[in-house]
Amino acid sequence: MVAEIGPTELKARREAADAPLVLDVREPWELDIVRLPGTLDIPMNEVPSRLSELPKERDIVVLCHAGGRSLNVARYLERLGYRVANLTGGIHAWAIEIDPTLPTY
């Protein structure tokens, strides 16, 4: 079962020395609206062909707009042996809870 992580926990973990890799699986047009700095951006449908970009030795937190697509990707990666969690509520929850200056859509 894929772990879930909320925006507040992710913010704290991103500030730690052993920060997870944040994988954003949204489409390029969505990234043009709002994005988090320092993420690895791979659209959901490209993840299987770009697995070599994902380190198995590092925690990965997957995000999308609201948490649905990222949960599917997180389940897929977990089956492949990655240490992965899903960002509950996605970038929308991040904008509401962490940085209300970010645009929502």
PDB file of N, CA and C in Angstrom:
ATOM      1  N   MET A   1       0.841  -1.186   0.000  1.00  0.00           N
ATOM      2  CA  MET A   1       0.000   0.000   0.000  1.00  0.00           C
ATOM      3  C   MET A   1       0.881   1.243   0.000  1.00  0.00           C
ATOM      4  N   VAL A   2       0.599   2.158  -0.884  1.00  0.00           N
ATOM      5  CA  VAL A   2       1.410   3.365  -1.046  1.00  0.00           C
ATOM      6  C   VAL A   2       1.197   4.316   0.137  1.00  0.00           C
ATOM      7  N   ALA A   3       2.290   4.817   0.649  1.00  0.00           N
ATOM      8  CA  ALA A   3       2.224   5.815   1.721  1.00  0.00           C
ATOM      9  C   ALA A   3       1.673   7.121   1.163  1.00  0.00           C
ATOM     10  N   GLU A   4       0.959   7.838   2.016  1.00  0.00           N
ATOM     11  CA  GLU A   4       0.443   9.164   1.667  1.00  0.00           C
ATOM     12  C   GLU A   4       1.186  10.185   2.523  1.00  0.00           C
ATOM     13  N   ILE A   5       1.490  11.313   1.932  1.00  0.00           N
ATOM     14  CA  ILE A   5       2.170  12.388   2.649  1.00  0.00           C
ATOM     15  C   ILE A   5       1.417  13.678   2.345  1.00  0.00           C
ATOM     16  N   GLY A   6       1.203  14.496   3.354  1.00  0.00           N
ATOM     17  CA  GLY A   6       0.517  15.762   3.162  1.00  0.00           C
ATOM     18  C   GLY A   6       1.492  16.876   2.836  1.00  0.00           C
ATOM     19  N   PRO A   7       0.976  18.010   2.392  1.00  0.00           N
ATOM     20  CA  PRO A   7       1.841  19.133   2.046  1.00  0.00           C
ATOM     21  C   PRO A   7       2.745  19.606   3.188  1.00  0.00           C
ATOM     22  N   THR A   8       2.228  19.659   4.404  1.00  0.00           N
ATOM     23  CA  THR A   8       3.042  20.129   5.527  1.00  0.00           C
ATOM     24  C   THR A   8       4.222  19.199   5.778  1.00  0.00           C
ATOM     25  N   GLU A   9       3.975  17.899   5.730  1.00  0.00           N
ATOM     26  CA  GLU A   9       5.070  16.938   5.925  1.00  0.00           C
ATOM     27  C   GLU A   9       6.073  17.016   4.781  1.00  0.00           C
ATOM     28  N   LEU A  10       5.577  17.149   3.554  1.00  0.00           N
ATOM     29  CA  LEU A  10       6.503  17.255   2.422  1.00  0.00           C
ATOM     30  C   LEU A  10       7.362  18.509   2.546  1.00  0.00           C
ATOM     31  N   LYS A  11       6.773  19.622   2.953  1.00  0.00           N
ATOM     32  CA  LYS A  11       7.553  20.851   3.123  1.00  0.00           C
ATOM     33  C   LYS A  11       8.687  20.616   4.114  1.00  0.00           C
ATOM     34  N   ALA A  12       8.385  19.996   5.233  1.00  0.00           N
ATOM     35  CA  ALA A  12       9.417  19.718   6.242  1.00  0.00           C
ATOM     36  C   ALA A  12      10.471  18.774   5.697  1.00  0.00           C
ATOM     37  N   ARG A  13      10.054  17.756   4.980  1.00  0.00           N
ATOM     38  CA  ARG A  13      11.015  16.792   4.431  1.00  0.00           C
ATOM     39  C   ARG A  13      11.885  17.412   3.348  1.00  0.00           C
ATOM     40  N   ARG A  14      11.358  18.348   2.579  1.00  0.00           N
ATOM     41  CA  ARG A  14      12.150  19.014   1.544  1.00  0.00           C
ATOM     42  C   ARG A  14      13.232  19.882   2.152  1.00  0.00           C
ATOM     43  N   GLU A  15      13.037  20.328   3.388  1.00  0.00           N
ATOM     44  CA  GLU A  15      14.016  21.173   4.063  1.00  0.00           C
ATOM     45  C   GLU A  15      15.059  20.357   4.819  1.00  0.00           C
ATOM     46  N   ALA A  16      14.895  19.040   4.868  1.00  0.00           N
ATOM     47  CA  ALA A  16      15.822  18.169   5.594  1.00  0.00           C
ATOM     48  C   ALA A  16      17.001  17.777   4.701  1.00  0.00           C
ATOM     49  N   ALA A  17      18.050  17.303   5.355  1.00  0.00           N
ATOM     50  CA  ALA A  17      19.256  16.897   4.628  1.00  0.00           C
ATOM     51  C   ALA A  17      18.991  15.732   3.676  1.00  0.00           C
ATOM     52  N   ASP A  18      18.093  14.839   4.059  1.00  0.00           N
ATOM     53  CA  ASP A  18      17.794  13.668   3.222  1.00  0.00           C
ATOM     54  C   ASP A  18      16.474  13.861   2.476  1.00  0.00           C
ATOM     55  N   ALA A  19      16.332  15.028   1.857  1.00  0.00           N
ATOM     56  CA  ALA A  19      15.091  15.389   1.167  1.00  0.00           C
ATOM     57  C   ALA A  19      14.752  14.367   0.076  1.00  0.00           C
ATOM     58  N   PRO A  20      13.471  14.049  -0.068  1.00  0.00           N
ATOM     59  CA  PRO A  20      13.073  13.126  -1.129  1.00  0.00           C
ATOM     60  C   PRO A  20      13.122  13.814  -2.490  1.00  0.00           C
ATOM     61  N   LEU A  21      13.204  13.008  -3.511  1.00  0.00           N
ATOM     62  CA  LEU A  21      13.024  13.496  -4.866  1.00  0.00           C
ATOM     63  C   LEU A  21      11.522  13.707  -5.053  1.00  0.00           C
ATOM     64  N   VAL A  22      11.132  14.864  -5.553  1.00  0.00           N
ATOM     65  CA  VAL A  22       9.721  15.120  -5.831  1.00  0.00           C
ATOM     66  C   VAL A  22       9.514  14.963  -7.334  1.00  0.00           C
ATOM     67  N   LEU A  23       8.685  13.994  -7.679  1.00  0.00           N
ATOM     68  CA  LEU A  23       8.381  13.672  -9.078  1.00  0.00           C
ATOM     69  C   LEU A  23       7.020  14.256  -9.419  1.00  0.00           C
ATOM     70  N   ASP A  24       6.992  15.219 -10.324  1.00  0.00           N
ATOM     71  CA  ASP A  24       5.750  15.849 -10.767  1.00  0.00           C
ATOM     72  C   ASP A  24       5.336  15.175 -12.069  1.00  0.00           C
ATOM     73  N   VAL A  25       4.163  14.540 -12.070  1.00  0.00           N
ATOM     74  CA  VAL A  25       3.723  13.767 -13.236  1.00  0.00           C
ATOM     75  C   VAL A  25       2.652  14.492 -14.049  1.00  0.00           C
ATOM     76  N   ARG A  26       2.530  15.800 -13.843  1.00  0.00           N
ATOM     77  CA  ARG A  26       1.553  16.572 -14.610  1.00  0.00           C
ATOM     78  C   ARG A  26       2.066  16.859 -16.021  1.00  0.00           C
ATOM     79  N   GLU A  27       1.158  17.295 -16.862  1.00  0.00           N
ATOM     80  CA  GLU A  27       1.474  17.618 -18.251  1.00  0.00           C
ATOM     81  C   GLU A  27       2.161  18.988 -18.334  1.00  0.00           C
ATOM     82  N   PRO A  28       2.925  19.227 -19.416  1.00  0.00           N
ATOM     83  CA  PRO A  28       3.631  20.507 -19.554  1.00  0.00           C
ATOM     84  C   PRO A  28       2.721  21.734 -19.425  1.00  0.00           C
ATOM     85  N   TRP A  29       1.520  21.671 -19.960  1.00  0.00           N
ATOM     86  CA  TRP A  29       0.621  22.832 -19.861  1.00  0.00           C
ATOM     87  C   TRP A  29       0.258  23.121 -18.406  1.00  0.00           C
ATOM     88  N   GLU A  30       0.209  22.094 -17.575  1.00  0.00           N
ATOM     89  CA  GLU A  30      -0.082  22.292 -16.152  1.00  0.00           C
ATOM     90  C   GLU A  30       1.115  22.922 -15.440  1.00  0.00           C
ATOM     91  N   LEU A  31       2.315  22.497 -15.825  1.00  0.00           N
ATOM     92  CA  LEU A  31       3.526  23.072 -15.245  1.00  0.00           C
ATOM     93  C   LEU A  31       3.666  24.547 -15.606  1.00  0.00           C
ATOM     94  N   ASP A  32       3.126  24.932 -16.766  1.00  0.00           N
ATOM     95  CA  ASP A  32       3.150  26.341 -17.161  1.00  0.00           C
ATOM     96  C   ASP A  32       2.285  27.195 -16.234  1.00  0.00           C
ATOM     97  N   ILE A  33       1.281  26.599 -15.602  1.00  0.00           N
ATOM     98  CA  ILE A  33       0.397  27.325 -14.685  1.00  0.00           C
ATOM     99  C   ILE A  33       1.057  27.482 -13.322  1.00  0.00           C
ATOM    100  N   VAL A  34       1.562  26.365 -12.793  1.00  0.00           N
ATOM    101  CA  VAL A  34       2.171  26.383 -11.460  1.00  0.00           C
ATOM    102  C   VAL A  34       3.101  25.193 -11.325  1.00  0.00           C
ATOM    103  N   ARG A  35       4.208  25.421 -10.654  1.00  0.00           N
ATOM    104  CA  ARG A  35       5.156  24.326 -10.408  1.00  0.00           C
ATOM    105  C   ARG A  35       5.916  24.589  -9.126  1.00  0.00           C
ATOM    106  N   LEU A  36       6.420  23.497  -8.551  1.00  0.00           N
ATOM    107  CA  LEU A  36       7.303  23.610  -7.398  1.00  0.00           C
ATOM    108  C   LEU A  36       8.739  23.605  -7.905  1.00  0.00           C
ATOM    109  N   PRO A  37       9.594  24.448  -7.370  1.00  0.00           N
ATOM    110  CA  PRO A  37      10.989  24.412  -7.793  1.00  0.00           C
ATOM    111  C   PRO A  37      11.663  23.121  -7.327  1.00  0.00           C
ATOM    112  N   GLY A  38      12.592  22.666  -8.123  1.00  0.00           N
ATOM    113  CA  GLY A  38      13.405  21.517  -7.740  1.00  0.00           C
ATOM    114  C   GLY A  38      12.764  20.165  -7.951  1.00  0.00           C
ATOM    115  N   THR A  39      11.681  20.100  -8.716  1.00  0.00           N
ATOM    116  CA  THR A  39      11.045  18.811  -8.979  1.00  0.00           C
ATOM    117  C   THR A  39      11.616  18.185 -10.243  1.00  0.00           C
ATOM    118  N   LEU A  40      11.452  16.882 -10.337  1.00  0.00           N
ATOM    119  CA  LEU A  40      11.729  16.179 -11.585  1.00  0.00           C
ATOM    120  C   LEU A  40      10.385  16.060 -12.285  1.00  0.00           C
ATOM    121  N   ASP A  41      10.276  16.634 -13.479  1.00  0.00           N
ATOM    122  CA  ASP A  41       9.005  16.678 -14.193  1.00  0.00           C
ATOM    123  C   ASP A  41       8.982  15.632 -15.299  1.00  0.00           C
ATOM    124  N   ILE A  42       8.146  14.612 -15.111  1.00  0.00           N
ATOM    125  CA  ILE A  42       7.963  13.558 -16.108  1.00  0.00           C
ATOM    126  C   ILE A  42       6.464  13.307 -16.233  1.00  0.00           C
ATOM    127  N   PRO A  43       5.851  13.641 -17.370  1.00  0.00           N
ATOM    128  CA  PRO A  43       4.426  13.372 -17.518  1.00  0.00           C
ATOM    129  C   PRO A  43       4.108  11.897 -17.253  1.00  0.00           C
ATOM    130  N   MET A  44       2.945  11.663 -16.674  1.00  0.00           N
ATOM    131  CA  MET A  44       2.551  10.323 -16.252  1.00  0.00           C
ATOM    132  C   MET A  44       2.801   9.259 -17.328  1.00  0.00           C
ATOM    133  N   ASN A  45       2.405   9.539 -18.557  1.00  0.00           N
ATOM    134  CA  ASN A  45       2.535   8.525 -19.614  1.00  0.00           C
ATOM    135  C   ASN A  45       3.976   8.256 -20.033  1.00  0.00           C
ATOM    136  N   GLU A  46       4.923   9.102 -19.603  1.00  0.00           N
ATOM    137  CA  GLU A  46       6.331   8.900 -19.945  1.00  0.00           C
ATOM    138  C   GLU A  46       7.118   8.181 -18.847  1.00  0.00           C
ATOM    139  N   VAL A  47       6.528   8.009 -17.682  1.00  0.00           N
ATOM    140  CA  VAL A  47       7.250   7.420 -16.557  1.00  0.00           C
ATOM    141  C   VAL A  47       7.833   6.049 -16.905  1.00  0.00           C
ATOM    142  N   PRO A  48       7.063   5.120 -17.502  1.00  0.00           N
ATOM    143  CA  PRO A  48       7.649   3.795 -17.785  1.00  0.00           C
ATOM    144  C   PRO A  48       8.891   3.840 -18.666  1.00  0.00           C
ATOM    145  N   SER A  49       8.956   4.782 -19.590  1.00  0.00           N
ATOM    146  CA  SER A  49      10.112   4.849 -20.488  1.00  0.00           C
ATOM    147  C   SER A  49      11.264   5.676 -19.911  1.00  0.00           C
ATOM    148  N   ARG A  50      11.050   6.287 -18.743  1.00  0.00           N
ATOM    149  CA  ARG A  50      12.090   7.137 -18.165  1.00  0.00           C
ATOM    150  C   ARG A  50      12.490   6.694 -16.755  1.00  0.00           C
ATOM    151  N   LEU A  51      12.297   5.418 -16.456  1.00  0.00           N
ATOM    152  CA  LEU A  51      12.619   4.890 -15.130  1.00  0.00           C
ATOM    153  C   LEU A  51      14.085   5.093 -14.759  1.00  0.00           C
ATOM    154  N   SER A  52      14.959   5.149 -15.749  1.00  0.00           N
ATOM    155  CA  SER A  52      16.385   5.315 -15.460  1.00  0.00           C
ATOM    156  C   SER A  52      16.682   6.654 -14.780  1.00  0.00           C
ATOM    157  N   GLU A  53      15.762   7.603 -14.849  1.00  0.00           N
ATOM    158  CA  GLU A  53      15.944   8.895 -14.204  1.00  0.00           C
ATOM    159  C   GLU A  53      15.551   8.879 -12.729  1.00  0.00           C
ATOM    160  N   LEU A  54      14.968   7.768 -12.277  1.00  0.00           N
ATOM    161  CA  LEU A  54      14.467   7.672 -10.905  1.00  0.00           C
ATOM    162  C   LEU A  54      15.375   6.782 -10.067  1.00  0.00           C
ATOM    163  N   PRO A  55      15.959   7.339  -9.008  1.00  0.00           N
ATOM    164  CA  PRO A  55      16.867   6.555  -8.168  1.00  0.00           C
ATOM    165  C   PRO A  55      16.106   5.642  -7.207  1.00  0.00           C
ATOM    166  N   LYS A  56      16.483   4.382  -7.172  1.00  0.00           N
ATOM    167  CA  LYS A  56      15.847   3.454  -6.243  1.00  0.00           C
ATOM    168  C   LYS A  56      16.354   3.628  -4.822  1.00  0.00           C
ATOM    169  N   GLU A  57      17.499   4.280  -4.664  1.00  0.00           N
ATOM    170  CA  GLU A  57      18.089   4.424  -3.331  1.00  0.00           C
ATOM    171  C   GLU A  57      17.614   5.689  -2.622  1.00  0.00           C
ATOM    172  N   ARG A  58      16.713   6.426  -3.207  1.00  0.00           N
ATOM    173  CA  ARG A  58      16.229   7.687  -2.617  1.00  0.00           C
ATOM    174  C   ARG A  58      14.702   7.658  -2.519  1.00  0.00           C
ATOM    175  N   ASP A  59      14.162   8.233  -1.452  1.00  0.00           N
ATOM    176  CA  ASP A  59      12.714   8.359  -1.332  1.00  0.00           C
ATOM    177  C   ASP A  59      12.196   9.261  -2.449  1.00  0.00           C
ATOM    178  N   ILE A  60      11.026   8.905  -2.979  1.00  0.00           N
ATOM    179  CA  ILE A  60      10.381   9.684  -4.032  1.00  0.00           C
ATOM    180  C   ILE A  60       8.973  10.031  -3.567  1.00  0.00           C
ATOM    181  N   VAL A  61       8.595  11.289  -3.727  1.00  0.00           N
ATOM    182  CA  VAL A  61       7.222  11.716  -3.491  1.00  0.00           C
ATOM    183  C   VAL A  61       6.659  12.146  -4.836  1.00  0.00           C
ATOM    184  N   VAL A  62       5.537  11.547  -5.219  1.00  0.00           N
ATOM    185  CA  VAL A  62       4.929  11.818  -6.518  1.00  0.00           C
ATOM    186  C   VAL A  62       3.783  12.807  -6.325  1.00  0.00           C
ATOM    187  N   LEU A  63       3.704  13.784  -7.228  1.00  0.00           N
ATOM    188  CA  LEU A  63       2.601  14.744  -7.155  1.00  0.00           C
ATOM    189  C   LEU A  63       1.992  14.980  -8.516  1.00  0.00           C
ATOM    190  N   CYS A  64       0.728  15.369  -8.498  1.00  0.00           N
ATOM    191  CA  CYS A  64       0.022  15.795  -9.709  1.00  0.00           C
ATOM    192  C   CYS A  64      -0.870  16.960  -9.304  1.00  0.00           C
ATOM    193  N   HIS A  65      -1.974  17.161  -9.992  1.00  0.00           N
ATOM    194  CA  HIS A  65      -2.867  18.272  -9.662  1.00  0.00           C
ATOM    195  C   HIS A  65      -3.593  18.056  -8.343  1.00  0.00           C
ATOM    196  N   ALA A  66      -4.281  16.913  -8.201  1.00  0.00           N
ATOM    197  CA  ALA A  66      -5.098  16.683  -7.000  1.00  0.00           C
ATOM    198  C   ALA A  66      -4.772  15.379  -6.275  1.00  0.00           C
ATOM    199  N   GLY A  67      -3.873  14.581  -6.806  1.00  0.00           N
ATOM    200  CA  GLY A  67      -3.447  13.369  -6.115  1.00  0.00           C
ATOM    201  C   GLY A  67      -3.855  12.054  -6.738  1.00  0.00           C
ATOM    202  N   GLY A  68      -4.685  12.063  -7.744  1.00  0.00           N
ATOM    203  CA  GLY A  68      -5.142  10.818  -8.375  1.00  0.00           C
ATOM    204  C   GLY A  68      -4.124  10.195  -9.311  1.00  0.00           C
ATOM    205  N   ARG A  69      -3.641  10.965 -10.260  1.00  0.00           N
ATOM    206  CA  ARG A  69      -2.636  10.436 -11.196  1.00  0.00           C
ATOM    207  C   ARG A  69      -1.365  10.047 -10.454  1.00  0.00           C
ATOM    208  N   SER A  70      -0.973  10.881  -9.503  1.00  0.00           N
ATOM    209  CA  SER A  70       0.254  10.585  -8.763  1.00  0.00           C
ATOM    210  C   SER A  70       0.114   9.312  -7.942  1.00  0.00           C
ATOM    211  N   LEU A  71      -1.071   9.037  -7.429  1.00  0.00           N
ATOM    212  CA  LEU A  71      -1.285   7.796  -6.695  1.00  0.00           C
ATOM    213  C   LEU A  71      -1.101   6.596  -7.616  1.00  0.00           C
ATOM    214  N   ASN A  72      -1.610   6.682  -8.824  1.00  0.00           N
ATOM    215  CA  ASN A  72      -1.424   5.585  -9.789  1.00  0.00           C
ATOM    216  C   ASN A  72       0.044   5.380 -10.118  1.00  0.00           C
ATOM    217  N   VAL A  73       0.777   6.467 -10.320  1.00  0.00           N
ATOM    218  CA  VAL A  73       2.210   6.364 -10.612  1.00  0.00           C
ATOM    219  C   VAL A  73       2.947   5.809  -9.393  1.00  0.00           C
ATOM    220  N   ALA A  74       2.589   6.272  -8.216  1.00  0.00           N
ATOM    221  CA  ALA A  74       3.240   5.782  -6.993  1.00  0.00           C
ATOM    222  C   ALA A  74       3.016   4.280  -6.822  1.00  0.00           C
ATOM    223  N   ARG A  75       1.804   3.815  -7.093  1.00  0.00           N
ATOM    224  CA  ARG A  75       1.536   2.366  -7.009  1.00  0.00           C
ATOM    225  C   ARG A  75       2.409   1.602  -7.998  1.00  0.00           C
ATOM    226  N   TYR A  76       2.526   2.113  -9.204  1.00  0.00           N
ATOM    227  CA  TYR A  76       3.353   1.491 -10.236  1.00  0.00           C
ATOM    228  C   TYR A  76       4.810   1.426  -9.786  1.00  0.00           C
ATOM    229  N   LEU A  77       5.334   2.543  -9.296  1.00  0.00           N
ATOM    230  CA  LEU A  77       6.729   2.577  -8.862  1.00  0.00           C
ATOM    231  C   LEU A  77       6.965   1.677  -7.659  1.00  0.00           C
ATOM    232  N   GLU A  78       6.021   1.632  -6.754  1.00  0.00           N
ATOM    233  CA  GLU A  78       6.159   0.766  -5.579  1.00  0.00           C
ATOM    234  C   GLU A  78       6.265  -0.702  -6.000  1.00  0.00           C
ATOM    235  N   ARG A  79       5.468  -1.101  -6.978  1.00  0.00           N
ATOM    236  CA  ARG A  79       5.538  -2.491  -7.487  1.00  0.00           C
ATOM    237  C   ARG A  79       6.912  -2.798  -8.085  1.00  0.00           C
ATOM    238  N   LEU A  80       7.591  -1.756  -8.572  1.00  0.00           N
ATOM    239  CA  LEU A  80       8.916  -1.932  -9.168  1.00  0.00           C
ATOM    240  C   LEU A  80      10.039  -1.827  -8.143  1.00  0.00           C
ATOM    241  N   GLY A  81       9.688  -1.629  -6.878  1.00  0.00           N
ATOM    242  CA  GLY A  81      10.693  -1.604  -5.830  1.00  0.00           C
ATOM    243  C   GLY A  81      11.188  -0.239  -5.407  1.00  0.00           C
ATOM    244  N   TYR A  82      10.541   0.817  -5.867  1.00  0.00           N
ATOM    245  CA  TYR A  82      10.935   2.160  -5.460  1.00  0.00           C
ATOM    246  C   TYR A  82      10.360   2.484  -4.086  1.00  0.00           C
ATOM    247  N   ARG A  83      11.062   3.340  -3.347  1.00  0.00           N
ATOM    248  CA  ARG A  83      10.567   3.867  -2.062  1.00  0.00           C
ATOM    249  C   ARG A  83       9.780   5.125  -2.393  1.00  0.00           C
ATOM    250  N   VAL A  84       8.472   5.033  -2.311  1.00  0.00           N
ATOM    251  CA  VAL A  84       7.628   6.078  -2.879  1.00  0.00           C
ATOM    252  C   VAL A  84       6.448   6.415  -1.970  1.00  0.00           C
ATOM    253  N   ALA A  85       6.027   7.674  -2.056  1.00  0.00           N
ATOM    254  CA  ALA A  85       4.824   8.149  -1.377  1.00  0.00           C
ATOM    255  C   ALA A  85       4.076   9.065  -2.341  1.00  0.00           C
ATOM    256  N   ASN A  86       2.787   9.238  -2.074  1.00  0.00           N
ATOM    257  CA  ASN A  86       1.940  10.102  -2.877  1.00  0.00           C
ATOM    258  C   ASN A  86       1.654  11.378  -2.102  1.00  0.00           C
ATOM    259  N   LEU A  87       1.710  12.540  -2.782  1.00  0.00           N
ATOM    260  CA  LEU A  87       1.336  13.798  -2.148  1.00  0.00           C
ATOM    261  C   LEU A  87      -0.183  13.921  -2.179  1.00  0.00           C
ATOM    262  N   THR A  88      -0.813  13.766  -1.026  1.00  0.00           N
ATOM    263  CA  THR A  88      -2.258  13.859  -0.913  1.00  0.00           C
ATOM    264  C   THR A  88      -2.725  15.261  -1.306  1.00  0.00           C
ATOM    265  N   GLY A  89      -3.650  15.320  -2.232  1.00  0.00           N
ATOM    266  CA  GLY A  89      -4.187  16.617  -2.657  1.00  0.00           C
ATOM    267  C   GLY A  89      -3.385  17.332  -3.712  1.00  0.00           C
ATOM    268  N   GLY A  90      -2.198  16.809  -4.028  1.00  0.00           N
ATOM    269  CA  GLY A  90      -1.386  17.345  -5.108  1.00  0.00           C
ATOM    270  C   GLY A  90      -0.973  18.802  -4.950  1.00  0.00           C
ATOM    271  N   ILE A  91      -0.650  19.404  -6.090  1.00  0.00           N
ATOM    272  CA  ILE A  91      -0.188  20.795  -6.105  1.00  0.00           C
ATOM    273  C   ILE A  91      -1.286  21.730  -5.621  1.00  0.00           C
ATOM    274  N   HIS A  92      -2.535  21.341  -5.803  1.00  0.00           N
ATOM    275  CA  HIS A  92      -3.653  22.165  -5.332  1.00  0.00           C
ATOM    276  C   HIS A  92      -3.606  22.293  -3.807  1.00  0.00           C
ATOM    277  N   ALA A  93      -3.432  21.163  -3.125  1.00  0.00           N
ATOM    278  CA  ALA A  93      -3.343  21.200  -1.660  1.00  0.00           C
ATOM    279  C   ALA A  93      -2.118  21.973  -1.209  1.00  0.00           C
ATOM    280  N   TRP A  94      -1.005  21.838  -1.941  1.00  0.00           N
ATOM    281  CA  TRP A  94       0.208  22.587  -1.602  1.00  0.00           C
ATOM    282  C   TRP A  94      -0.082  24.087  -1.655  1.00  0.00           C
ATOM    283  N   ALA A  95      -0.762  24.524  -2.719  1.00  0.00           N
ATOM    284  CA  ALA A  95      -1.073  25.946  -2.869  1.00  0.00           C
ATOM    285  C   ALA A  95      -2.003  26.430  -1.760  1.00  0.00           C
ATOM    286  N   ILE A  96      -2.951  25.627  -1.364  1.00  0.00           N
ATOM    287  CA  ILE A  96      -3.895  26.016  -0.317  1.00  0.00           C
ATOM    288  C   ILE A  96      -3.223  26.033   1.056  1.00  0.00           C
ATOM    289  N   GLU A  97      -2.458  24.985   1.362  1.00  0.00           N
ATOM    290  CA  GLU A  97      -1.916  24.819   2.709  1.00  0.00           C
ATOM    291  C   GLU A  97      -0.548  25.467   2.938  1.00  0.00           C
ATOM    292  N   ILE A  98       0.280  25.505   1.910  1.00  0.00           N
ATOM    293  CA  ILE A  98       1.672  25.950   2.090  1.00  0.00           C
ATOM    294  C   ILE A  98       1.935  27.314   1.477  1.00  0.00           C
ATOM    295  N   ASP A  99       1.506  27.528   0.257  1.00  0.00           N
ATOM    296  CA  ASP A  99       1.831  28.764  -0.446  1.00  0.00           C
ATOM    297  C   ASP A  99       0.623  29.307  -1.202  1.00  0.00           C
ATOM    298  N   PRO A 100      -0.222  30.068  -0.517  1.00  0.00           N
ATOM    299  CA  PRO A 100      -1.429  30.596  -1.165  1.00  0.00           C
ATOM    300  C   PRO A 100      -1.168  31.618  -2.268  1.00  0.00           C
ATOM    301  N   THR A 101       0.095  32.008  -2.471  1.00  0.00           N
ATOM    302  CA  THR A 101       0.404  32.902  -3.579  1.00  0.00           C
ATOM    303  C   THR A 101       0.437  32.158  -4.905  1.00  0.00           C
ATOM    304  N   LEU A 102       0.507  30.819  -4.853  1.00  0.00           N
ATOM    305  CA  LEU A 102       0.546  30.027  -6.076  1.00  0.00           C
ATOM    306  C   LEU A 102      -0.833  29.989  -6.737  1.00  0.00           C
ATOM    307  N   PRO A 103      -0.867  30.036  -8.070  1.00  0.00           N
ATOM    308  CA  PRO A 103      -2.159  29.927  -8.751  1.00  0.00           C
ATOM    309  C   PRO A 103      -2.730  28.512  -8.607  1.00  0.00           C
ATOM    310  N   THR A 104      -4.033  28.413  -8.612  1.00  0.00           N
ATOM    311  CA  THR A 104      -4.704  27.111  -8.607  1.00  0.00           C
ATOM    312  C   THR A 104      -5.509  27.004  -9.899  1.00  0.00           C
ATOM    313  N   TYR A 105      -5.818  25.761 -10.251  1.00  0.00           N
ATOM    314  CA  TYR A 105      -6.613  25.540 -11.468  1.00  0.00           C
ATOM    315  C   TYR A 105      -7.472  24.322 -11.276  1.00  0.00           C
TER     316      TYR A 105
END
